[in-house]
Amino acid sequence: MIRSIIPRDEVYFDSFEKICVLVVEAAEKLKTTLDEEGSFDASARRIKIIESEADEQVHRAVEKLHKTFVTPLDRQDILKLTAGLDDIVDRIEAVSARLDLYNPKRIMQEAKQLTGVLVQAAKQVAEMVGLLRNLKKQSSRILEHAVEINRLENEADQVHHTAISKLFQEENDTKELIKWKDILDNMEMATDRCEDVSDIVRGIVLENI
């Protein structure tokens, strides 16, 4: 009741959307690096900057939360969503750091496919989160995004499975096998984190409609 009569503080939605912009930017940078087989070092440095910017947005949102009496969403939901979005950026940064550290001899086609799926999932997350400002009016659209993100996560699982199978069947260099197993696992986990955020947003919608 009290939430309905006190003006909403939009700063949390601003923070969510700013982090989403960084999520998409990091995913696109990773995809471009693999597609163009560019510099792993330059990519890792840029994505690290993006990750630091996301951390700053998280810190601002948490500080605001401690100072705010009435919030537009449940406090725990705000914390979970902020942390979930940050986790996506962290996992993308983990992939770029490993590419820079390991410097694999060649780029697996399946890795390019995985980053393509990741970019799609990141964009779906950004659109979904952006609709939270008008949660009640946009609940159906938000849930449609949740379905699509689930589909993309399943697609990522299949590409990951195929890539790992191919890796163990065809890669004779043990070091390269170990490198790519770690990189591919982290790529797939980045898409998992997108689905985690989708589940959080879906839960928020179902609690508020």
N, C-alpha and C. Protein backbone atom coordinates (compact mmCIF):
# COMPACT_ATOMS: atom_id res chain seq x y z
N MET A 1 0.82 -1.20 0.00
CA MET A 1 0.00 0.00 0.00
C MET A 1 0.87 1.26 0.00
N ILE A 2 1.84 1.31 0.88
CA ILE A 2 2.68 2.52 0.98
C ILE A 2 3.46 2.76 -0.31
N ARG A 3 3.82 1.65 -1.02
CA ARG A 3 4.56 1.80 -2.26
C ARG A 3 3.73 2.48 -3.33
N SER A 4 2.41 2.32 -3.24
CA SER A 4 1.53 2.86 -4.26
C SER A 4 1.26 4.35 -4.09
N ILE A 5 1.50 4.93 -2.89
CA ILE A 5 1.19 6.34 -2.67
C ILE A 5 2.43 7.23 -2.58
N ILE A 6 3.62 6.63 -2.56
CA ILE A 6 4.86 7.40 -2.53
C ILE A 6 5.51 7.34 -3.90
N PRO A 7 5.95 8.46 -4.45
CA PRO A 7 6.57 8.46 -5.79
C PRO A 7 7.72 7.45 -5.89
N ARG A 8 7.78 6.77 -7.02
CA ARG A 8 8.81 5.76 -7.21
C ARG A 8 10.16 6.41 -7.45
N ASP A 9 11.20 5.79 -6.91
CA ASP A 9 12.56 6.24 -7.19
C ASP A 9 13.05 5.49 -8.41
N GLU A 10 13.27 6.20 -9.51
CA GLU A 10 13.63 5.58 -10.78
C GLU A 10 15.10 5.20 -10.87
N VAL A 11 15.90 5.55 -9.86
CA VAL A 11 17.34 5.34 -9.95
C VAL A 11 17.69 3.87 -10.14
N TYR A 12 16.89 2.98 -9.55
CA TYR A 12 17.20 1.55 -9.69
C TYR A 12 17.00 1.08 -11.13
N PHE A 13 15.93 1.55 -11.76
CA PHE A 13 15.71 1.19 -13.15
C PHE A 13 16.81 1.77 -14.04
N ASP A 14 17.26 2.98 -13.69
CA ASP A 14 18.39 3.59 -14.41
C ASP A 14 19.63 2.70 -14.29
N SER A 15 19.90 2.22 -13.09
CA SER A 15 21.07 1.37 -12.85
C SER A 15 20.96 0.06 -13.60
N PHE A 16 19.77 -0.56 -13.53
CA PHE A 16 19.57 -1.82 -14.27
C PHE A 16 19.88 -1.62 -15.75
N GLU A 17 19.34 -0.54 -16.32
CA GLU A 17 19.49 -0.32 -17.75
C GLU A 17 20.92 0.03 -18.13
N LYS A 18 21.61 0.76 -17.27
CA LYS A 18 23.02 1.09 -17.55
C LYS A 18 23.88 -0.18 -17.52
N ILE A 19 23.60 -1.06 -16.57
CA ILE A 19 24.36 -2.31 -16.53
C ILE A 19 24.04 -3.16 -17.76
N CYS A 20 22.78 -3.15 -18.19
CA CYS A 20 22.40 -3.91 -19.38
C CYS A 20 23.14 -3.43 -20.62
N VAL A 21 23.31 -2.11 -20.74
CA VAL A 21 24.08 -1.56 -21.86
C VAL A 21 25.50 -2.14 -21.84
N LEU A 22 26.07 -2.24 -20.65
CA LEU A 22 27.43 -2.78 -20.51
C LEU A 22 27.46 -4.28 -20.79
N VAL A 23 26.42 -4.99 -20.40
CA VAL A 23 26.32 -6.43 -20.71
C VAL A 23 26.37 -6.65 -22.21
N VAL A 24 25.54 -5.89 -22.94
CA VAL A 24 25.49 -6.04 -24.40
C VAL A 24 26.81 -5.62 -25.03
N GLU A 25 27.39 -4.53 -24.55
CA GLU A 25 28.66 -4.06 -25.10
C GLU A 25 29.76 -5.10 -24.92
N ALA A 26 29.82 -5.70 -23.74
CA ALA A 26 30.85 -6.71 -23.46
C ALA A 26 30.66 -7.93 -24.36
N ALA A 27 29.41 -8.38 -24.49
CA ALA A 27 29.12 -9.55 -25.34
C ALA A 27 29.47 -9.27 -26.79
N GLU A 28 29.11 -8.09 -27.28
CA GLU A 28 29.40 -7.74 -28.67
C GLU A 28 30.90 -7.61 -28.92
N LYS A 29 31.61 -7.06 -27.95
CA LYS A 29 33.06 -6.94 -28.10
C LYS A 29 33.72 -8.31 -28.17
N LEU A 30 33.26 -9.23 -27.34
CA LEU A 30 33.79 -10.59 -27.36
C LEU A 30 33.50 -11.25 -28.70
N LYS A 31 32.27 -11.10 -29.19
CA LYS A 31 31.89 -11.70 -30.47
C LYS A 31 32.73 -11.13 -31.62
N THR A 32 32.89 -9.82 -31.65
CA THR A 32 33.67 -9.18 -32.71
C THR A 32 35.11 -9.67 -32.70
N THR A 33 35.68 -9.81 -31.51
CA THR A 33 37.07 -10.28 -31.39
C THR A 33 37.23 -11.67 -31.98
N LEU A 34 36.28 -12.56 -31.70
CA LEU A 34 36.37 -13.93 -32.22
C LEU A 34 36.07 -13.95 -33.72
N ASP A 35 35.03 -13.23 -34.13
CA ASP A 35 34.66 -13.23 -35.56
C ASP A 35 35.79 -12.70 -36.44
N GLU A 36 36.44 -11.64 -35.95
CA GLU A 36 37.50 -11.00 -36.74
C GLU A 36 38.88 -11.51 -36.38
N GLU A 37 38.91 -12.42 -35.38
CA GLU A 37 40.17 -12.98 -34.87
C GLU A 37 41.14 -11.84 -34.56
N GLY A 38 40.62 -10.90 -33.77
CA GLY A 38 41.41 -9.73 -33.40
C GLY A 38 42.30 -9.96 -32.20
N SER A 39 42.82 -8.88 -31.65
CA SER A 39 43.75 -8.96 -30.53
C SER A 39 43.05 -9.36 -29.25
N PHE A 40 43.48 -10.47 -28.66
CA PHE A 40 42.91 -10.90 -27.39
C PHE A 40 43.27 -9.92 -26.28
N ASP A 41 44.47 -9.38 -26.36
CA ASP A 41 44.93 -8.44 -25.34
C ASP A 41 44.08 -7.18 -25.33
N ALA A 42 43.87 -6.59 -26.48
CA ALA A 42 43.08 -5.36 -26.57
C ALA A 42 41.64 -5.61 -26.14
N SER A 43 41.10 -6.74 -26.55
CA SER A 43 39.73 -7.09 -26.18
C SER A 43 39.60 -7.27 -24.67
N ALA A 44 40.56 -7.98 -24.08
CA ALA A 44 40.53 -8.21 -22.63
C ALA A 44 40.61 -6.91 -21.86
N ARG A 45 41.43 -5.98 -22.34
CA ARG A 45 41.57 -4.69 -21.65
C ARG A 45 40.27 -3.89 -21.73
N ARG A 46 39.63 -3.89 -22.91
CA ARG A 46 38.37 -3.16 -23.06
C ARG A 46 37.26 -3.77 -22.20
N ILE A 47 37.16 -5.09 -22.24
CA ILE A 47 36.10 -5.76 -21.48
C ILE A 47 36.34 -5.61 -19.97
N LYS A 48 37.59 -5.55 -19.56
CA LYS A 48 37.89 -5.31 -18.15
C LYS A 48 37.39 -3.93 -17.73
N ILE A 49 37.54 -2.93 -18.60
CA ILE A 49 37.02 -1.59 -18.32
C ILE A 49 35.50 -1.63 -18.19
N ILE A 50 34.86 -2.35 -19.11
CA ILE A 50 33.40 -2.49 -19.06
C ILE A 50 32.98 -3.14 -17.75
N GLU A 51 33.69 -4.18 -17.37
CA GLU A 51 33.38 -4.89 -16.12
C GLU A 51 33.52 -3.97 -14.91
N SER A 52 34.53 -3.11 -14.91
CA SER A 52 34.73 -2.16 -13.81
C SER A 52 33.60 -1.13 -13.77
N GLU A 53 33.13 -0.72 -14.96
CA GLU A 53 32.02 0.23 -15.03
C GLU A 53 30.74 -0.42 -14.48
N ALA A 54 30.54 -1.69 -14.78
CA ALA A 54 29.38 -2.41 -14.25
C ALA A 54 29.46 -2.50 -12.72
N ASP A 55 30.65 -2.80 -12.21
CA ASP A 55 30.83 -2.85 -10.76
C ASP A 55 30.47 -1.52 -10.10
N GLU A 56 30.84 -0.43 -10.75
CA GLU A 56 30.54 0.90 -10.20
C GLU A 56 29.03 1.13 -10.15
N GLN A 57 28.33 0.70 -11.17
CA GLN A 57 26.87 0.84 -11.17
C GLN A 57 26.24 0.00 -10.06
N VAL A 58 26.79 -1.18 -9.84
CA VAL A 58 26.29 -2.05 -8.76
C VAL A 58 26.49 -1.37 -7.41
N HIS A 59 27.69 -0.83 -7.20
CA HIS A 59 27.99 -0.18 -5.92
C HIS A 59 27.05 1.01 -5.67
N ARG A 60 26.78 1.79 -6.72
CA ARG A 60 25.87 2.93 -6.58
C ARG A 60 24.46 2.48 -6.21
N ALA A 61 24.00 1.42 -6.86
CA ALA A 61 22.66 0.92 -6.59
C ALA A 61 22.54 0.39 -5.16
N VAL A 62 23.56 -0.31 -4.71
CA VAL A 62 23.54 -0.86 -3.34
C VAL A 62 23.60 0.25 -2.31
N GLU A 63 24.42 1.25 -2.56
CA GLU A 63 24.50 2.40 -1.64
C GLU A 63 23.15 3.11 -1.56
N LYS A 64 22.52 3.30 -2.71
CA LYS A 64 21.20 3.94 -2.74
C LYS A 64 20.18 3.12 -1.97
N LEU A 65 20.27 1.82 -2.12
CA LEU A 65 19.32 0.93 -1.45
C LEU A 65 19.39 1.07 0.06
N HIS A 66 20.61 1.24 0.59
CA HIS A 66 20.79 1.38 2.03
C HIS A 66 20.23 2.71 2.56
N LYS A 67 20.06 3.67 1.65
CA LYS A 67 19.60 5.00 2.07
C LYS A 67 18.12 5.25 1.76
N THR A 68 17.47 4.28 1.12
CA THR A 68 16.10 4.47 0.67
C THR A 68 15.13 3.68 1.53
N PHE A 69 14.05 4.35 1.97
CA PHE A 69 13.06 3.68 2.81
C PHE A 69 12.07 2.88 1.97
N VAL A 70 11.53 3.52 0.94
CA VAL A 70 10.56 2.85 0.07
C VAL A 70 11.19 2.64 -1.30
N THR A 71 11.12 1.42 -1.82
CA THR A 71 11.73 1.09 -3.11
C THR A 71 10.65 0.63 -4.08
N PRO A 72 10.89 0.80 -5.39
CA PRO A 72 9.88 0.43 -6.39
C PRO A 72 9.66 -1.07 -6.52
N LEU A 73 10.66 -1.84 -6.12
CA LEU A 73 10.58 -3.30 -6.11
C LEU A 73 11.04 -3.79 -4.75
N ASP A 74 10.76 -5.04 -4.46
CA ASP A 74 11.25 -5.63 -3.22
C ASP A 74 12.77 -5.47 -3.13
N ARG A 75 13.26 -5.14 -1.96
CA ARG A 75 14.70 -4.87 -1.80
C ARG A 75 15.56 -6.06 -2.20
N GLN A 76 15.13 -7.25 -1.82
CA GLN A 76 15.91 -8.43 -2.18
C GLN A 76 15.90 -8.67 -3.69
N ASP A 77 14.80 -8.35 -4.33
CA ASP A 77 14.74 -8.49 -5.79
C ASP A 77 15.70 -7.52 -6.47
N ILE A 78 15.79 -6.30 -5.93
CA ILE A 78 16.73 -5.31 -6.48
C ILE A 78 18.16 -5.82 -6.34
N LEU A 79 18.48 -6.35 -5.19
CA LEU A 79 19.83 -6.88 -4.95
C LEU A 79 20.12 -8.06 -5.88
N LYS A 80 19.17 -8.98 -5.99
CA LYS A 80 19.38 -10.16 -6.83
C LYS A 80 19.54 -9.80 -8.30
N LEU A 81 18.71 -8.87 -8.76
CA LEU A 81 18.78 -8.49 -10.17
C LEU A 81 20.07 -7.74 -10.48
N THR A 82 20.46 -6.83 -9.60
CA THR A 82 21.70 -6.09 -9.80
C THR A 82 22.90 -7.04 -9.83
N ALA A 83 22.93 -7.95 -8.86
CA ALA A 83 24.04 -8.91 -8.80
C ALA A 83 24.02 -9.85 -10.00
N GLY A 84 22.81 -10.26 -10.43
CA GLY A 84 22.70 -11.16 -11.57
C GLY A 84 23.23 -10.55 -12.86
N LEU A 85 22.88 -9.28 -13.09
CA LEU A 85 23.39 -8.59 -14.27
C LEU A 85 24.91 -8.45 -14.22
N ASP A 86 25.42 -8.13 -13.04
CA ASP A 86 26.86 -8.01 -12.86
C ASP A 86 27.56 -9.35 -13.12
N ASP A 87 26.90 -10.45 -12.75
CA ASP A 87 27.47 -11.79 -12.97
C ASP A 87 27.66 -12.08 -14.46
N ILE A 88 26.74 -11.59 -15.29
CA ILE A 88 26.89 -11.81 -16.74
C ILE A 88 28.17 -11.14 -17.24
N VAL A 89 28.35 -9.88 -16.84
CA VAL A 89 29.56 -9.15 -17.27
C VAL A 89 30.81 -9.83 -16.73
N ASP A 90 30.75 -10.28 -15.49
CA ASP A 90 31.90 -10.97 -14.89
C ASP A 90 32.28 -12.21 -15.68
N ARG A 91 31.28 -12.97 -16.11
CA ARG A 91 31.55 -14.21 -16.83
C ARG A 91 32.11 -13.91 -18.22
N ILE A 92 31.60 -12.86 -18.88
CA ILE A 92 32.16 -12.47 -20.18
C ILE A 92 33.61 -12.03 -20.01
N GLU A 93 33.87 -11.29 -18.95
CA GLU A 93 35.24 -10.85 -18.66
C GLU A 93 36.15 -12.05 -18.42
N ALA A 94 35.60 -13.08 -17.78
CA ALA A 94 36.39 -14.30 -17.53
C ALA A 94 36.77 -14.97 -18.84
N VAL A 95 35.86 -14.96 -19.81
CA VAL A 95 36.17 -15.54 -21.13
C VAL A 95 37.28 -14.75 -21.81
N SER A 96 37.14 -13.42 -21.84
CA SER A 96 38.14 -12.60 -22.53
C SER A 96 39.50 -12.70 -21.86
N ALA A 97 39.51 -12.80 -20.54
CA ALA A 97 40.77 -12.94 -19.81
C ALA A 97 41.45 -14.25 -20.15
N ARG A 98 40.67 -15.30 -20.29
CA ARG A 98 41.24 -16.61 -20.63
C ARG A 98 41.77 -16.64 -22.06
N LEU A 99 41.05 -16.01 -22.98
CA LEU A 99 41.55 -15.94 -24.34
C LEU A 99 42.89 -15.21 -24.38
N ASP A 100 43.00 -14.15 -23.61
CA ASP A 100 44.25 -13.39 -23.55
C ASP A 100 45.36 -14.20 -22.89
N LEU A 101 45.01 -14.90 -21.82
CA LEU A 101 46.00 -15.69 -21.09
C LEU A 101 46.48 -16.91 -21.89
N TYR A 102 45.53 -17.63 -22.46
CA TYR A 102 45.85 -18.88 -23.15
C TYR A 102 46.35 -18.67 -24.58
N ASN A 103 45.85 -17.60 -25.23
CA ASN A 103 46.21 -17.31 -26.62
C ASN A 103 46.16 -18.57 -27.49
N PRO A 104 44.97 -19.15 -27.66
CA PRO A 104 44.85 -20.39 -28.45
C PRO A 104 45.34 -20.19 -29.88
N LYS A 105 45.80 -21.28 -30.48
CA LYS A 105 46.39 -21.22 -31.81
C LYS A 105 45.36 -20.92 -32.89
N ARG A 106 44.14 -21.37 -32.68
CA ARG A 106 43.08 -21.17 -33.68
C ARG A 106 41.77 -20.88 -32.96
N ILE A 107 40.82 -20.33 -33.69
CA ILE A 107 39.50 -20.04 -33.11
C ILE A 107 38.52 -21.11 -33.57
N MET A 108 37.90 -21.78 -32.62
CA MET A 108 36.90 -22.80 -32.95
C MET A 108 35.63 -22.13 -33.48
N GLN A 109 35.08 -22.69 -34.54
CA GLN A 109 33.85 -22.17 -35.11
C GLN A 109 32.72 -22.18 -34.08
N GLU A 110 32.71 -23.21 -33.25
CA GLU A 110 31.67 -23.32 -32.22
C GLU A 110 31.77 -22.21 -31.20
N ALA A 111 32.99 -21.71 -30.95
CA ALA A 111 33.16 -20.59 -30.03
C ALA A 111 32.51 -19.34 -30.61
N LYS A 112 32.65 -19.15 -31.92
CA LYS A 112 31.99 -18.03 -32.58
C LYS A 112 30.47 -18.17 -32.49
N GLN A 113 29.99 -19.40 -32.65
CA GLN A 113 28.55 -19.64 -32.53
C GLN A 113 28.06 -19.32 -31.12
N LEU A 114 28.82 -19.74 -30.13
CA LEU A 114 28.42 -19.49 -28.74
C LEU A 114 28.35 -18.00 -28.43
N THR A 115 29.31 -17.25 -28.92
CA THR A 115 29.27 -15.81 -28.66
C THR A 115 28.11 -15.15 -29.41
N GLY A 116 27.75 -15.71 -30.56
CA GLY A 116 26.58 -15.21 -31.27
C GLY A 116 25.31 -15.41 -30.46
N VAL A 117 25.17 -16.58 -29.87
CA VAL A 117 24.01 -16.86 -29.02
C VAL A 117 24.05 -15.97 -27.78
N LEU A 118 25.24 -15.77 -27.24
CA LEU A 118 25.39 -14.92 -26.06
C LEU A 118 24.94 -13.49 -26.33
N VAL A 119 25.32 -12.95 -27.48
CA VAL A 119 24.90 -11.59 -27.83
C VAL A 119 23.38 -11.51 -27.92
N GLN A 120 22.77 -12.49 -28.55
CA GLN A 120 21.30 -12.51 -28.64
C GLN A 120 20.66 -12.55 -27.26
N ALA A 121 21.20 -13.40 -26.38
CA ALA A 121 20.66 -13.52 -25.02
C ALA A 121 20.84 -12.22 -24.25
N ALA A 122 22.00 -11.59 -24.41
CA ALA A 122 22.27 -10.33 -23.72
C ALA A 122 21.28 -9.25 -24.16
N LYS A 123 20.99 -9.20 -25.45
CA LYS A 123 20.04 -8.21 -25.96
C LYS A 123 18.63 -8.48 -25.45
N GLN A 124 18.27 -9.76 -25.38
CA GLN A 124 16.97 -10.12 -24.83
C GLN A 124 16.86 -9.70 -23.36
N VAL A 125 17.93 -9.91 -22.61
CA VAL A 125 17.95 -9.50 -21.20
C VAL A 125 17.77 -7.99 -21.09
N ALA A 126 18.50 -7.25 -21.92
CA ALA A 126 18.41 -5.79 -21.87
C ALA A 126 16.99 -5.30 -22.17
N GLU A 127 16.36 -5.90 -23.19
CA GLU A 127 15.00 -5.51 -23.52
C GLU A 127 14.03 -5.87 -22.40
N MET A 128 14.22 -7.04 -21.84
CA MET A 128 13.36 -7.53 -20.76
C MET A 128 13.45 -6.62 -19.54
N VAL A 129 14.67 -6.31 -19.14
CA VAL A 129 14.88 -5.46 -17.96
C VAL A 129 14.34 -4.06 -18.20
N GLY A 130 14.48 -3.55 -19.41
CA GLY A 130 13.98 -2.23 -19.73
C GLY A 130 12.48 -2.10 -19.56
N LEU A 131 11.76 -3.21 -19.68
CA LEU A 131 10.31 -3.20 -19.55
C LEU A 131 9.84 -3.16 -18.09
N LEU A 132 10.76 -3.34 -17.16
CA LEU A 132 10.38 -3.36 -15.74
C LEU A 132 9.83 -2.02 -15.26
N ARG A 133 10.18 -0.93 -15.93
CA ARG A 133 9.65 0.38 -15.53
C ARG A 133 8.12 0.40 -15.58
N ASN A 134 7.58 -0.36 -16.52
CA ASN A 134 6.12 -0.46 -16.68
C ASN A 134 5.69 -1.91 -16.52
N LEU A 135 6.10 -2.49 -15.41
CA LEU A 135 5.95 -3.92 -15.17
C LEU A 135 4.54 -4.43 -15.43
N LYS A 136 3.55 -3.79 -14.85
CA LYS A 136 2.18 -4.30 -14.96
C LYS A 136 1.67 -4.26 -16.40
N LYS A 137 1.99 -3.19 -17.13
CA LYS A 137 1.54 -3.07 -18.51
C LYS A 137 2.32 -3.99 -19.45
N GLN A 138 3.57 -4.26 -19.10
CA GLN A 138 4.46 -4.99 -20.00
C GLN A 138 4.71 -6.43 -19.55
N SER A 139 3.94 -6.92 -18.61
CA SER A 139 4.21 -8.25 -18.04
C SER A 139 4.21 -9.35 -19.11
N SER A 140 3.28 -9.28 -20.06
CA SER A 140 3.22 -10.31 -21.11
C SER A 140 4.48 -10.30 -21.97
N ARG A 141 4.93 -9.11 -22.36
CA ARG A 141 6.14 -8.99 -23.17
C ARG A 141 7.36 -9.46 -22.40
N ILE A 142 7.42 -9.14 -21.11
CA ILE A 142 8.54 -9.59 -20.30
C ILE A 142 8.61 -11.11 -20.27
N LEU A 143 7.46 -11.75 -20.10
CA LEU A 143 7.43 -13.21 -20.05
C LEU A 143 7.76 -13.83 -21.40
N GLU A 144 7.44 -13.13 -22.49
CA GLU A 144 7.84 -13.61 -23.82
C GLU A 144 9.36 -13.60 -23.96
N HIS A 145 10.00 -12.57 -23.43
CA HIS A 145 11.46 -12.52 -23.45
C HIS A 145 12.04 -13.68 -22.64
N ALA A 146 11.41 -14.02 -21.53
CA ALA A 146 11.88 -15.12 -20.69
C ALA A 146 11.88 -16.43 -21.47
N VAL A 147 10.83 -16.65 -22.26
CA VAL A 147 10.74 -17.86 -23.09
C VAL A 147 11.87 -17.90 -24.11
N GLU A 148 12.13 -16.76 -24.75
CA GLU A 148 13.19 -16.69 -25.76
C GLU A 148 14.57 -16.89 -25.15
N ILE A 149 14.79 -16.33 -23.99
CA ILE A 149 16.09 -16.50 -23.32
C ILE A 149 16.30 -17.96 -22.94
N ASN A 150 15.24 -18.62 -22.51
CA ASN A 150 15.34 -20.05 -22.22
C ASN A 150 15.70 -20.84 -23.48
N ARG A 151 15.10 -20.47 -24.61
CA ARG A 151 15.41 -21.14 -25.87
C ARG A 151 16.87 -20.93 -26.25
N LEU A 152 17.36 -19.71 -26.09
CA LEU A 152 18.75 -19.41 -26.41
C LEU A 152 19.71 -20.16 -25.50
N GLU A 153 19.35 -20.29 -24.23
CA GLU A 153 20.21 -21.03 -23.30
C GLU A 153 20.29 -22.49 -23.70
N ASN A 154 19.16 -23.06 -24.14
CA ASN A 154 19.16 -24.44 -24.62
C ASN A 154 20.01 -24.58 -25.88
N GLU A 155 19.94 -23.58 -26.76
CA GLU A 155 20.77 -23.58 -27.97
C GLU A 155 22.25 -23.54 -27.60
N ALA A 156 22.59 -22.70 -26.62
CA ALA A 156 23.98 -22.60 -26.17
C ALA A 156 24.45 -23.94 -25.60
N ASP A 157 23.58 -24.61 -24.84
CA ASP A 157 23.93 -25.92 -24.29
C ASP A 157 24.27 -26.91 -25.40
N GLN A 158 23.47 -26.89 -26.48
CA GLN A 158 23.69 -27.81 -27.58
C GLN A 158 24.99 -27.50 -28.31
N VAL A 159 25.25 -26.22 -28.57
CA VAL A 159 26.50 -25.82 -29.24
C VAL A 159 27.68 -26.19 -28.37
N HIS A 160 27.57 -25.96 -27.07
CA HIS A 160 28.65 -26.30 -26.14
C HIS A 160 28.91 -27.80 -26.15
N HIS A 161 27.84 -28.59 -26.13
CA HIS A 161 27.98 -30.06 -26.15
C HIS A 161 28.70 -30.51 -27.42
N THR A 162 28.28 -29.95 -28.55
CA THR A 162 28.91 -30.29 -29.83
C THR A 162 30.38 -29.90 -29.84
N ALA A 163 30.68 -28.72 -29.31
CA ALA A 163 32.05 -28.22 -29.30
C ALA A 163 32.97 -29.09 -28.45
N ILE A 164 32.48 -29.47 -27.28
CA ILE A 164 33.30 -30.30 -26.39
C ILE A 164 33.53 -31.67 -27.00
N SER A 165 32.49 -32.23 -27.60
CA SER A 165 32.62 -33.53 -28.27
C SER A 165 33.65 -33.46 -29.39
N LYS A 166 33.56 -32.42 -30.21
CA LYS A 166 34.51 -32.22 -31.32
C LYS A 166 35.92 -32.03 -30.79
N LEU A 167 36.03 -31.29 -29.72
CA LEU A 167 37.34 -31.01 -29.12
C LEU A 167 38.05 -32.29 -28.72
N PHE A 168 37.34 -33.18 -28.03
CA PHE A 168 37.96 -34.41 -27.55
C PHE A 168 38.19 -35.42 -28.67
N GLN A 169 37.44 -35.30 -29.74
CA GLN A 169 37.62 -36.21 -30.86
C GLN A 169 38.73 -35.78 -31.81
N GLU A 170 38.91 -34.46 -31.96
CA GLU A 170 39.78 -33.97 -33.02
C GLU A 170 41.04 -33.27 -32.55
N GLU A 171 41.07 -32.77 -31.32
CA GLU A 171 42.23 -32.00 -30.87
C GLU A 171 43.30 -32.93 -30.30
N ASN A 172 44.45 -32.96 -30.95
CA ASN A 172 45.55 -33.83 -30.51
C ASN A 172 46.53 -33.13 -29.57
N ASP A 173 46.46 -31.81 -29.54
CA ASP A 173 47.34 -31.03 -28.67
C ASP A 173 46.64 -30.89 -27.31
N THR A 174 47.20 -31.55 -26.31
CA THR A 174 46.56 -31.57 -24.98
C THR A 174 46.41 -30.17 -24.40
N LYS A 175 47.41 -29.33 -24.61
CA LYS A 175 47.35 -27.96 -24.07
C LYS A 175 46.19 -27.19 -24.70
N GLU A 176 46.05 -27.32 -26.02
CA GLU A 176 44.97 -26.62 -26.70
C GLU A 176 43.61 -27.16 -26.25
N LEU A 177 43.54 -28.46 -26.02
CA LEU A 177 42.29 -29.06 -25.54
C LEU A 177 41.90 -28.47 -24.18
N ILE A 178 42.86 -28.39 -23.28
CA ILE A 178 42.59 -27.85 -21.94
C ILE A 178 42.18 -26.38 -22.03
N LYS A 179 42.88 -25.63 -22.87
CA LYS A 179 42.55 -24.21 -23.05
C LYS A 179 41.11 -24.03 -23.50
N TRP A 180 40.76 -24.74 -24.58
CA TRP A 180 39.45 -24.54 -25.17
C TRP A 180 38.33 -25.09 -24.31
N LYS A 181 38.61 -26.15 -23.58
CA LYS A 181 37.58 -26.69 -22.66
C LYS A 181 37.21 -25.62 -21.64
N ASP A 182 38.20 -24.95 -21.09
CA ASP A 182 37.95 -23.90 -20.09
C ASP A 182 37.23 -22.71 -20.72
N ILE A 183 37.68 -22.29 -21.89
CA ILE A 183 37.06 -21.14 -22.57
C ILE A 183 35.60 -21.43 -22.91
N LEU A 184 35.35 -22.58 -23.51
CA LEU A 184 34.01 -22.95 -23.90
C LEU A 184 33.07 -23.08 -22.71
N ASP A 185 33.58 -23.65 -21.62
CA ASP A 185 32.75 -23.79 -20.41
C ASP A 185 32.32 -22.42 -19.90
N ASN A 186 33.23 -21.46 -19.92
CA ASN A 186 32.90 -20.12 -19.43
C ASN A 186 31.96 -19.38 -20.38
N MET A 187 32.10 -19.64 -21.66
CA MET A 187 31.15 -19.06 -22.62
C MET A 187 29.74 -19.55 -22.35
N GLU A 188 29.62 -20.86 -22.14
CA GLU A 188 28.30 -21.43 -21.88
C GLU A 188 27.74 -20.92 -20.56
N MET A 189 28.60 -20.74 -19.57
CA MET A 189 28.16 -20.22 -18.28
C MET A 189 27.67 -18.78 -18.39
N ALA A 190 28.23 -18.01 -19.30
CA ALA A 190 27.77 -16.63 -19.50
C ALA A 190 26.31 -16.63 -19.97
N THR A 191 25.98 -17.57 -20.85
CA THR A 191 24.59 -17.68 -21.29
C THR A 191 23.70 -18.18 -20.17
N ASP A 192 24.22 -19.07 -19.34
CA ASP A 192 23.48 -19.51 -18.15
C ASP A 192 23.13 -18.34 -17.25
N ARG A 193 24.09 -17.41 -17.10
CA ARG A 193 23.85 -16.24 -16.24
C ARG A 193 22.73 -15.37 -16.82
N CYS A 194 22.63 -15.33 -18.15
CA CYS A 194 21.51 -14.59 -18.77
C CYS A 194 20.18 -15.22 -18.38
N GLU A 195 20.14 -16.54 -18.39
CA GLU A 195 18.90 -17.22 -18.00
C GLU A 195 18.62 -17.01 -16.51
N ASP A 196 19.66 -16.95 -15.69
CA ASP A 196 19.46 -16.67 -14.26
C ASP A 196 18.78 -15.32 -14.07
N VAL A 197 19.24 -14.32 -14.81
CA VAL A 197 18.62 -12.99 -14.72
C VAL A 197 17.17 -13.04 -15.22
N SER A 198 16.96 -13.77 -16.29
CA SER A 198 15.60 -13.93 -16.81
C SER A 198 14.69 -14.53 -15.74
N ASP A 199 15.17 -15.51 -15.02
CA ASP A 199 14.38 -16.15 -13.97
C ASP A 199 14.06 -15.16 -12.84
N ILE A 200 15.04 -14.31 -12.52
CA ILE A 200 14.82 -13.29 -11.47
C ILE A 200 13.73 -12.32 -11.91
N VAL A 201 13.83 -11.83 -13.15
CA VAL A 201 12.85 -10.88 -13.66
C VAL A 201 11.47 -11.54 -13.75
N ARG A 202 11.44 -12.75 -14.22
CA ARG A 202 10.17 -13.48 -14.31
C ARG A 202 9.54 -13.59 -12.93
N GLY A 203 10.34 -13.89 -11.92
CA GLY A 203 9.83 -13.98 -10.56
C GLY A 203 9.26 -12.66 -10.08
N ILE A 204 9.96 -11.57 -10.41
CA ILE A 204 9.48 -10.23 -10.02
C ILE A 204 8.12 -9.96 -10.66
N VAL A 205 7.99 -10.31 -11.93
CA VAL A 205 6.72 -10.09 -12.64
C VAL A 205 5.60 -10.88 -11.98
N LEU A 206 5.84 -12.15 -11.74
CA LEU A 206 4.79 -13.02 -11.19
C LEU A 206 4.38 -12.59 -9.79
N GLU A 207 5.28 -11.96 -9.07
CA GLU A 207 4.97 -11.48 -7.71
C GLU A 207 4.18 -10.17 -7.73
N ASN A 208 4.23 -9.46 -8.86
CA ASN A 208 3.65 -8.11 -8.89
C ASN A 208 2.47 -7.92 -9.83
N ILE A 209 2.03 -8.98 -10.48
CA ILE A 209 0.87 -8.83 -11.37
C ILE A 209 -0.38 -9.41 -10.72
